[in-house]
Amino acid sequence: MSGSKIKIPKAVVQKYLNAKEGKGVRILEYKRLGSGWHGSGYVVKFKIQKSKGKSQVREVVLRTLMPENFSHDFISDRAKVFILQNEMSKAIPGHIGSFDVSGYSKNGDLVSLGDVKEYFQIVEFAHGDTYSKDFQRIKETGSISDMDRQRARSLAIYLASLHSRKLKATKGSIRSIRRRHTRDAIGHGEMMIGVVDTYPDGFTYTTKAKLARFMARALEFREKVKDTPFKPCRIHGDFHPANIVFNGSRVTVLDASRELWGDPADDVIALAMNYIWFAVMQTGKFSGPFSELFWIFWNTYFKKTRDINIMKTAGVHMAFRGVVVAHPFFYSAQSDDVRRKMLRLVEKVLGKSRFDPKKIDRYLRK
């Protein structure tokens, strides 16, 4: 995130060509070809020394992507673009050839990705119980313990600590990531619009026309808050109870995803919406033990951070979480009345300039 342009050091290119073509490669020319909205291109002319004194001169273009705007902010974004283009260049007749897709490490070692067929991940096993088990127990018993209160408090402290790590970048990069995060919450394939696209035909608690209006209101709301001056920070990106594991008092989190740096409201709302949702499932309104846990979590976080911007951008993230918890398939064990109330809650917030947690019960009512 050091600037809007990326240039790969000539020494790295030399090392790459030696590994790709064998020893005896000499770079004859390495210069900038030009730049567009998305990135820059560099001409690399090099000489390959063959056997018996013969040589071959080749010319290729090295492409980079600008890290600002167009959802290219993170290294993984740029890798995704190049891997796709490498694949498509081989599949589309008449397309220019793709030489390779590569990256390099801090010490200049090359990592070639062009021939990868599929990616996978291996992670550690998390011992303990997911926080979602606590939610089910509390819903069934209607009571909470001091341990439950402490866990809500500890999760707020965990997030406050996580969010204290702020992004250090240019003003342009910060503005780009700020807009990107609120944009992705609405339009990214895993987020609001992507979730609504998985709704089946024939659900009874709303209509497709109403969902379309819901999404339009979310987009309008996002346009108003996209430049809210929050400082992008390190976030989890999917901080809901099934991704939180407790082993006694020790907390482990799973499946951090979607954004490396972003809006702290994303994480806060992800968990806070679950407290509201379970309160509605249990009591029909925002009351009872889950309401108490919500306020412990919310007040502890704000005591630590004093971050008022969360109330301004909350609606964007509530729109995503609303269509998730109301989903006909994701969470089938709830009434249509609960689904309607959760969507109503979000619609009311989207009609305001900011989220006021003191008005949650009012948001839930017709």
Protein backbone atom coordinates (compact mmCIF):
# COMPACT_ATOMS: atom_id res chain seq x y z
CA MET A 1 0.00 0.00 0.00
CA SER A 2 2.96 2.30 -0.45
CA GLY A 3 1.52 4.06 -3.48
CA SER A 4 -0.68 3.84 -6.54
CA LYS A 5 1.93 2.16 -8.77
CA ILE A 6 3.85 -1.06 -8.35
CA LYS A 7 7.11 -1.83 -10.10
CA ILE A 8 8.81 -5.20 -9.82
CA PRO A 9 12.57 -4.78 -9.21
CA LYS A 10 14.74 -5.61 -12.21
CA ALA A 11 16.80 -8.00 -10.06
CA VAL A 12 13.68 -10.03 -9.32
CA VAL A 13 12.80 -10.20 -13.03
CA GLN A 14 16.35 -11.34 -13.77
CA LYS A 15 16.11 -14.06 -11.13
CA TYR A 16 12.75 -15.17 -12.49
CA LEU A 17 14.00 -15.41 -16.07
CA ASN A 18 17.04 -17.42 -14.98
CA ALA A 19 14.73 -19.88 -13.23
CA LYS A 20 12.29 -20.02 -16.14
CA GLU A 21 14.72 -20.13 -19.08
CA GLY A 22 17.86 -21.46 -17.48
CA LYS A 23 21.15 -19.75 -16.74
CA GLY A 24 22.55 -17.35 -19.27
CA VAL A 25 19.65 -14.92 -19.56
CA ARG A 26 20.57 -11.26 -19.87
CA ILE A 27 18.03 -8.44 -19.71
CA LEU A 28 18.63 -6.02 -22.56
CA GLU A 29 15.79 -3.61 -21.78
CA TYR A 30 13.39 -3.07 -18.93
CA LYS A 31 11.25 0.02 -19.29
CA ARG A 32 7.75 1.24 -18.61
CA LEU A 33 5.41 0.75 -21.54
CA GLY A 34 2.50 2.80 -20.21
CA SER A 35 -0.31 2.95 -17.67
CA GLY A 36 -4.08 2.76 -17.72
CA TRP A 37 -6.83 2.98 -15.12
CA HIS A 38 -6.06 -0.45 -13.74
CA GLY A 39 -2.33 -0.85 -13.96
CA SER A 40 0.98 -0.48 -15.76
CA GLY A 41 2.95 -2.49 -18.28
CA TYR A 42 6.72 -2.88 -18.62
CA VAL A 43 8.62 -4.08 -21.67
CA VAL A 44 11.19 -6.74 -20.87
CA LYS A 45 13.58 -7.59 -23.70
CA PHE A 46 16.02 -10.35 -22.86
CA LYS A 47 18.62 -12.50 -24.53
CA ILE A 48 18.79 -16.25 -23.96
CA GLN A 49 22.19 -17.77 -24.58
CA LYS A 50 21.75 -21.12 -26.30
CA SER A 51 24.29 -23.88 -26.81
CA LYS A 52 27.02 -23.69 -29.46
CA GLY A 53 27.13 -19.90 -29.29
CA LYS A 54 23.58 -19.42 -30.50
CA SER A 55 21.25 -16.98 -28.79
CA GLN A 56 17.63 -15.89 -28.91
CA VAL A 57 16.14 -12.49 -28.14
CA ARG A 58 12.64 -12.41 -26.70
CA GLU A 59 10.33 -9.58 -25.72
CA VAL A 60 7.51 -9.83 -23.19
CA VAL A 61 5.32 -7.46 -21.22
CA LEU A 62 5.28 -7.53 -17.43
CA ARG A 63 1.95 -6.29 -16.06
CA THR A 64 1.14 -4.89 -12.64
CA LEU A 65 -2.14 -3.73 -11.12
CA MET A 66 -2.60 -0.54 -9.16
CA PRO A 67 -3.64 -1.32 -5.58
CA GLU A 68 -6.14 1.53 -5.36
CA ASN A 69 -9.77 1.23 -6.53
CA PHE A 70 -11.51 -1.51 -8.55
CA SER A 71 -11.15 -3.96 -5.61
CA HIS A 72 -7.42 -4.44 -6.24
CA ASP A 73 -6.44 -3.24 -2.76
CA PHE A 74 -4.96 -6.48 -1.43
CA ILE A 75 -2.30 -8.79 -2.83
CA SER A 76 -4.86 -11.60 -3.02
CA ASP A 77 -7.09 -9.40 -5.22
CA ARG A 78 -4.31 -8.83 -7.70
CA ALA A 79 -3.35 -12.51 -7.70
CA LYS A 80 -6.96 -13.44 -8.46
CA VAL A 81 -7.05 -11.13 -11.50
CA PHE A 82 -3.82 -12.45 -12.97
CA ILE A 83 -4.66 -16.12 -12.35
CA LEU A 84 -7.99 -15.68 -14.13
CA GLN A 85 -6.42 -13.83 -17.05
CA ASN A 86 -3.73 -16.49 -17.38
CA GLU A 87 -6.43 -19.17 -17.58
CA MET A 88 -8.55 -17.21 -20.04
CA SER A 89 -5.62 -16.48 -22.35
CA LYS A 90 -5.32 -20.23 -22.91
CA ALA A 91 -9.05 -20.73 -23.46
CA ILE A 92 -9.93 -17.87 -25.83
CA PRO A 93 -8.97 -18.33 -29.52
CA GLY A 94 -6.64 -15.65 -30.84
CA HIS A 95 -5.78 -14.32 -27.40
CA ILE A 96 -2.18 -13.28 -26.71
CA GLY A 97 -0.29 -15.93 -24.81
CA SER A 98 0.28 -15.70 -21.10
CA PHE A 99 3.89 -16.38 -20.23
CA ASP A 100 3.22 -17.11 -16.56
CA VAL A 101 1.79 -15.72 -13.32
CA SER A 102 4.37 -15.18 -10.64
CA GLY A 103 5.03 -13.52 -7.35
CA TYR A 104 8.08 -13.00 -5.22
CA SER A 105 8.85 -13.19 -1.54
CA LYS A 106 10.60 -10.64 0.65
CA ASN A 107 13.98 -12.19 -0.11
CA GLY A 108 13.33 -12.22 -3.85
CA ASP A 109 12.50 -15.91 -4.27
CA LEU A 110 10.10 -16.57 -7.13
CA VAL A 111 6.74 -18.34 -6.78
CA SER A 112 5.23 -19.48 -10.07
CA LEU A 113 1.43 -19.82 -10.12
CA GLY A 114 0.68 -20.18 -13.80
CA ASP A 115 0.28 -23.95 -13.84
CA VAL A 116 -1.74 -24.36 -10.64
CA LYS A 117 -4.91 -26.41 -11.20
CA GLU A 118 -6.63 -25.79 -7.89
CA TYR A 119 -5.96 -24.19 -4.52
CA PHE A 120 -6.69 -25.53 -1.06
CA GLN A 121 -6.02 -24.63 2.53
CA ILE A 122 -4.98 -26.64 5.58
CA VAL A 123 -5.60 -25.14 9.01
CA GLU A 124 -5.16 -26.13 12.63
CA PHE A 125 -7.96 -27.91 14.48
CA ALA A 126 -9.64 -25.63 17.04
CA HIS A 127 -10.39 -27.42 20.30
CA GLY A 128 -13.44 -26.29 22.22
CA ASP A 129 -17.06 -25.37 21.52
CA THR A 130 -18.35 -22.75 19.12
CA TYR A 131 -20.06 -19.73 20.63
CA SER A 132 -23.20 -20.77 18.72
CA LYS A 133 -23.65 -23.59 21.27
CA ASP A 134 -23.91 -20.97 24.01
CA PHE A 135 -26.58 -19.20 21.99
CA GLN A 136 -28.63 -22.38 21.65
CA ARG A 137 -28.30 -23.17 25.36
CA ILE A 138 -29.39 -19.68 26.39
CA LYS A 139 -32.30 -19.79 23.95
CA GLU A 140 -33.47 -23.11 25.42
CA THR A 141 -32.99 -22.26 29.13
CA GLY A 142 -33.85 -18.56 29.05
CA SER A 143 -31.05 -17.75 31.48
CA ILE A 144 -27.43 -16.64 31.40
CA SER A 145 -24.51 -17.13 33.75
CA ASP A 146 -21.60 -14.98 34.81
CA MET A 147 -19.53 -16.95 32.29
CA ASP A 148 -21.89 -15.82 29.50
CA ARG A 149 -21.53 -12.21 30.58
CA GLN A 150 -17.77 -12.54 30.72
CA ARG A 151 -17.63 -14.08 27.26
CA ALA A 152 -19.62 -11.22 25.74
CA ARG A 153 -17.28 -8.80 27.48
CA SER A 154 -14.14 -10.65 26.36
CA LEU A 155 -15.29 -10.66 22.72
CA ALA A 156 -15.75 -6.89 22.81
CA ILE A 157 -12.25 -6.52 24.26
CA TYR A 158 -10.87 -8.88 21.62
CA LEU A 159 -12.38 -6.80 18.80
CA ALA A 160 -11.27 -3.52 20.34
CA SER A 161 -7.72 -4.85 20.43
CA LEU A 162 -7.93 -6.24 16.88
CA HIS A 163 -9.32 -2.96 15.55
CA SER A 164 -6.64 -0.89 17.28
CA ARG A 165 -4.25 -1.87 14.49
CA LYS A 166 -4.89 0.82 11.88
CA LEU A 167 -3.86 0.76 8.25
CA LYS A 168 -0.84 2.90 7.45
CA ALA A 169 -1.15 3.92 3.82
CA THR A 170 -1.55 6.85 1.48
CA LYS A 171 -4.71 8.93 1.60
CA GLY A 172 -5.66 7.47 -1.78
CA SER A 173 -5.32 3.89 -0.55
CA ILE A 174 -7.29 4.61 2.60
CA ARG A 175 -10.08 6.23 0.61
CA SER A 176 -10.08 3.30 -1.84
CA ILE A 177 -10.34 0.66 0.90
CA ARG A 178 -12.96 2.64 2.80
CA ARG A 179 -15.18 2.77 -0.29
CA ARG A 180 -14.33 -0.80 -1.27
CA HIS A 181 -15.45 -2.23 2.06
CA THR A 182 -18.88 -0.59 2.04
CA ARG A 183 -19.23 -1.50 -1.66
CA ASP A 184 -18.33 -5.14 -1.08
CA ALA A 185 -20.80 -5.44 1.80
CA ILE A 186 -23.56 -4.71 -0.71
CA GLY A 187 -22.33 -6.15 -4.00
CA HIS A 188 -19.62 -8.75 -3.38
CA GLY A 189 -20.55 -12.28 -4.42
CA GLU A 190 -20.57 -13.59 -0.83
CA MET A 191 -22.33 -10.56 0.61
CA MET A 192 -25.83 -9.05 0.41
CA ILE A 193 -26.69 -9.39 -3.29
CA GLY A 194 -24.95 -12.76 -3.51
CA VAL A 195 -26.94 -14.06 -0.55
CA VAL A 196 -30.26 -12.80 -1.95
CA ASP A 197 -29.48 -14.60 -5.21
CA THR A 198 -29.54 -17.89 -3.27
CA TYR A 199 -33.08 -17.31 -1.99
CA PRO A 200 -35.38 -20.00 -3.43
CA ASP A 201 -38.67 -19.41 -5.18
CA GLY A 202 -41.78 -19.57 -3.09
CA PHE A 203 -40.73 -18.11 0.27
CA THR A 204 -43.68 -16.61 2.13
CA TYR A 205 -42.47 -13.88 4.48
CA THR A 206 -41.57 -11.34 1.79
CA THR A 207 -41.59 -10.97 -1.98
CA LYS A 208 -38.88 -10.64 -4.60
CA ALA A 209 -40.10 -7.13 -5.34
CA LYS A 210 -39.69 -6.18 -1.67
CA LEU A 211 -36.22 -7.73 -1.60
CA ALA A 212 -35.31 -5.70 -4.68
CA ARG A 213 -36.44 -2.52 -2.92
CA PHE A 214 -34.52 -3.60 0.18
CA MET A 215 -31.32 -3.94 -1.87
CA ALA A 216 -31.94 -0.60 -3.57
CA ARG A 217 -32.29 1.10 -0.19
CA ALA A 218 -29.07 -0.52 0.96
CA LEU A 219 -27.29 0.81 -2.11
CA GLU A 220 -28.68 4.31 -1.55
CA PHE A 221 -27.62 4.19 2.09
CA ARG A 222 -24.13 3.02 1.11
CA GLU A 223 -23.76 5.97 -1.28
CA LYS A 224 -24.39 8.33 1.64
CA VAL A 225 -21.88 6.73 4.00
CA LYS A 226 -19.11 5.49 1.68
CA ASP A 227 -16.84 8.38 2.64
CA THR A 228 -17.48 8.20 6.38
CA PRO A 229 -14.01 8.97 7.76
CA PHE A 230 -13.34 5.73 9.58
CA LYS A 231 -9.71 4.64 9.58
CA PRO A 232 -9.48 1.16 8.01
CA CYS A 233 -8.22 -1.32 10.56
CA ARG A 234 -7.40 -5.00 10.81
CA ILE A 235 -10.71 -6.89 10.93
CA HIS A 236 -11.92 -10.48 11.06
CA GLY A 237 -14.53 -10.09 8.32
CA ASP A 238 -17.02 -12.79 9.39
CA PHE A 239 -17.26 -12.49 13.17
CA HIS A 240 -20.36 -14.55 13.94
CA PRO A 241 -20.86 -17.18 16.70
CA ALA A 242 -20.02 -20.22 14.54
CA ASN A 243 -16.58 -18.71 13.84
CA ILE A 244 -15.79 -18.19 17.53
CA VAL A 245 -14.55 -21.09 19.65
CA PHE A 246 -14.24 -21.06 23.44
CA ASN A 247 -12.07 -23.50 25.35
CA GLY A 248 -12.74 -22.40 28.90
CA SER A 249 -11.88 -18.70 28.92
CA ARG A 250 -9.61 -18.96 25.88
CA VAL A 251 -11.09 -17.68 22.63
CA THR A 252 -10.02 -18.86 19.16
CA VAL A 253 -11.46 -17.43 15.97
CA LEU A 254 -12.00 -19.27 12.69
CA ASP A 255 -12.35 -18.34 9.02
CA ALA A 256 -11.21 -14.72 8.92
CA SER A 257 -12.18 -13.67 5.41
CA ARG A 258 -13.38 -11.12 2.84
CA GLU A 259 -11.34 -8.10 3.90
CA LEU A 260 -7.83 -7.74 5.32
CA TRP A 261 -8.37 -4.11 6.29
CA GLY A 262 -11.77 -2.53 6.59
CA ASP A 263 -14.58 -1.02 8.62
CA PRO A 264 -14.66 -2.08 12.30
CA ALA A 265 -18.46 -1.89 12.11
CA ASP A 266 -18.36 -5.09 10.03
CA ASP A 267 -17.16 -7.20 12.97
CA VAL A 268 -19.20 -5.40 15.61
CA ILE A 269 -22.46 -5.71 13.67
CA ALA A 270 -21.77 -9.34 12.70
CA LEU A 271 -21.94 -10.39 16.35
CA ALA A 272 -24.39 -7.74 17.58
CA MET A 273 -27.01 -8.81 15.01
CA ASN A 274 -26.91 -12.33 16.44
CA TYR A 275 -27.75 -11.06 19.93
CA ILE A 276 -30.71 -9.11 18.47
CA TRP A 277 -31.84 -12.03 16.31
CA PHE A 278 -31.81 -14.57 19.14
CA ALA A 279 -33.63 -12.11 21.42
CA VAL A 280 -36.39 -11.83 18.79
CA MET A 281 -36.55 -15.62 18.37
CA GLN A 282 -36.78 -16.10 22.13
CA THR A 283 -39.10 -13.27 23.22
CA GLY A 284 -40.53 -11.77 20.04
CA LYS A 285 -38.79 -8.47 20.77
CA PHE A 286 -35.47 -7.06 21.90
CA SER A 287 -35.55 -8.22 25.49
CA GLY A 288 -34.39 -11.02 27.76
CA PRO A 289 -30.92 -12.52 28.24
CA PHE A 290 -29.71 -11.84 24.70
CA SER A 291 -30.57 -8.17 25.10
CA GLU A 292 -28.44 -8.11 28.25
CA LEU A 293 -25.53 -9.75 26.42
CA PHE A 294 -25.90 -7.29 23.55
CA TRP A 295 -25.51 -4.32 25.88
CA ILE A 296 -22.54 -5.88 27.67
CA PHE A 297 -20.82 -6.46 24.34
CA TRP A 298 -21.81 -3.09 22.83
CA ASN A 299 -20.98 -0.93 25.86
CA THR A 300 -17.68 -2.68 26.51
CA TYR A 301 -16.57 -2.16 22.93
CA PHE A 302 -17.51 1.52 22.95
CA LYS A 303 -15.89 2.12 26.29
CA LYS A 304 -12.66 0.78 24.77
CA THR A 305 -12.84 2.50 21.37
CA ARG A 306 -15.18 5.53 21.51
CA ASP A 307 -15.78 4.86 17.81
CA ILE A 308 -18.96 6.75 16.87
CA ASN A 309 -18.46 6.08 13.14
CA ILE A 310 -19.76 2.55 13.70
CA MET A 311 -23.28 3.90 14.14
CA LYS A 312 -22.98 5.78 10.82
CA THR A 313 -21.95 2.80 8.65
CA ALA A 314 -23.79 0.09 10.62
CA GLY A 315 -26.70 -0.01 8.16
CA VAL A 316 -24.52 -1.30 5.33
CA HIS A 317 -23.39 -4.29 7.37
CA MET A 318 -26.82 -4.85 8.90
CA ALA A 319 -28.26 -5.13 5.38
CA PHE A 320 -25.96 -8.05 4.67
CA ARG A 321 -26.52 -9.73 8.04
CA GLY A 322 -30.26 -9.18 7.76
CA VAL A 323 -30.65 -11.16 4.54
CA VAL A 324 -28.40 -13.86 6.03
CA VAL A 325 -30.37 -14.46 9.25
CA ALA A 326 -33.70 -14.24 7.36
CA HIS A 327 -32.58 -16.77 4.74
CA PRO A 328 -35.10 -19.58 4.12
CA PHE A 329 -32.38 -22.28 3.89
CA PHE A 330 -29.47 -21.05 5.99
CA TYR A 331 -31.58 -20.89 9.14
CA SER A 332 -34.80 -22.83 8.65
CA ALA A 333 -35.69 -23.25 12.34
CA GLN A 334 -37.37 -19.88 12.85
CA SER A 335 -40.77 -18.38 12.16
CA ASP A 336 -41.62 -16.13 9.25
CA ASP A 337 -42.54 -13.49 11.83
CA VAL A 338 -38.94 -13.44 13.07
CA ARG A 339 -37.62 -13.14 9.52
CA ARG A 340 -39.96 -10.23 8.79
CA LYS A 341 -38.93 -8.45 11.98
CA MET A 342 -35.22 -8.76 11.22
CA LEU A 343 -35.68 -7.38 7.70
CA ARG A 344 -37.89 -4.61 9.11
CA LEU A 345 -35.18 -3.73 11.62
CA VAL A 346 -32.65 -3.23 8.83
CA GLU A 347 -35.09 -1.30 6.60
CA LYS A 348 -35.76 1.14 9.45
CA VAL A 349 -32.03 1.65 10.01
CA LEU A 350 -31.47 2.20 6.28
CA GLY A 351 -34.05 4.98 6.43
CA LYS A 352 -32.07 6.83 9.12
CA SER A 353 -28.76 8.66 9.05
CA ARG A 354 -27.31 6.37 11.73
CA PHE A 355 -28.05 3.30 13.83
CA ASP A 356 -29.24 4.03 17.36
CA PRO A 357 -29.10 0.84 19.48
CA LYS A 358 -31.47 2.41 22.02
CA LYS A 359 -34.20 2.28 19.34
CA ILE A 360 -33.84 -1.40 18.41
CA ASP A 361 -37.27 -2.32 19.73
CA ARG A 362 -38.80 0.59 17.82
CA TYR A 363 -37.08 -0.57 14.63
CA LEU A 364 -38.59 -4.02 15.04
CA ARG A 365 -42.17 -2.76 15.25
CA LYS A 366 -44.39 -1.99 12.24
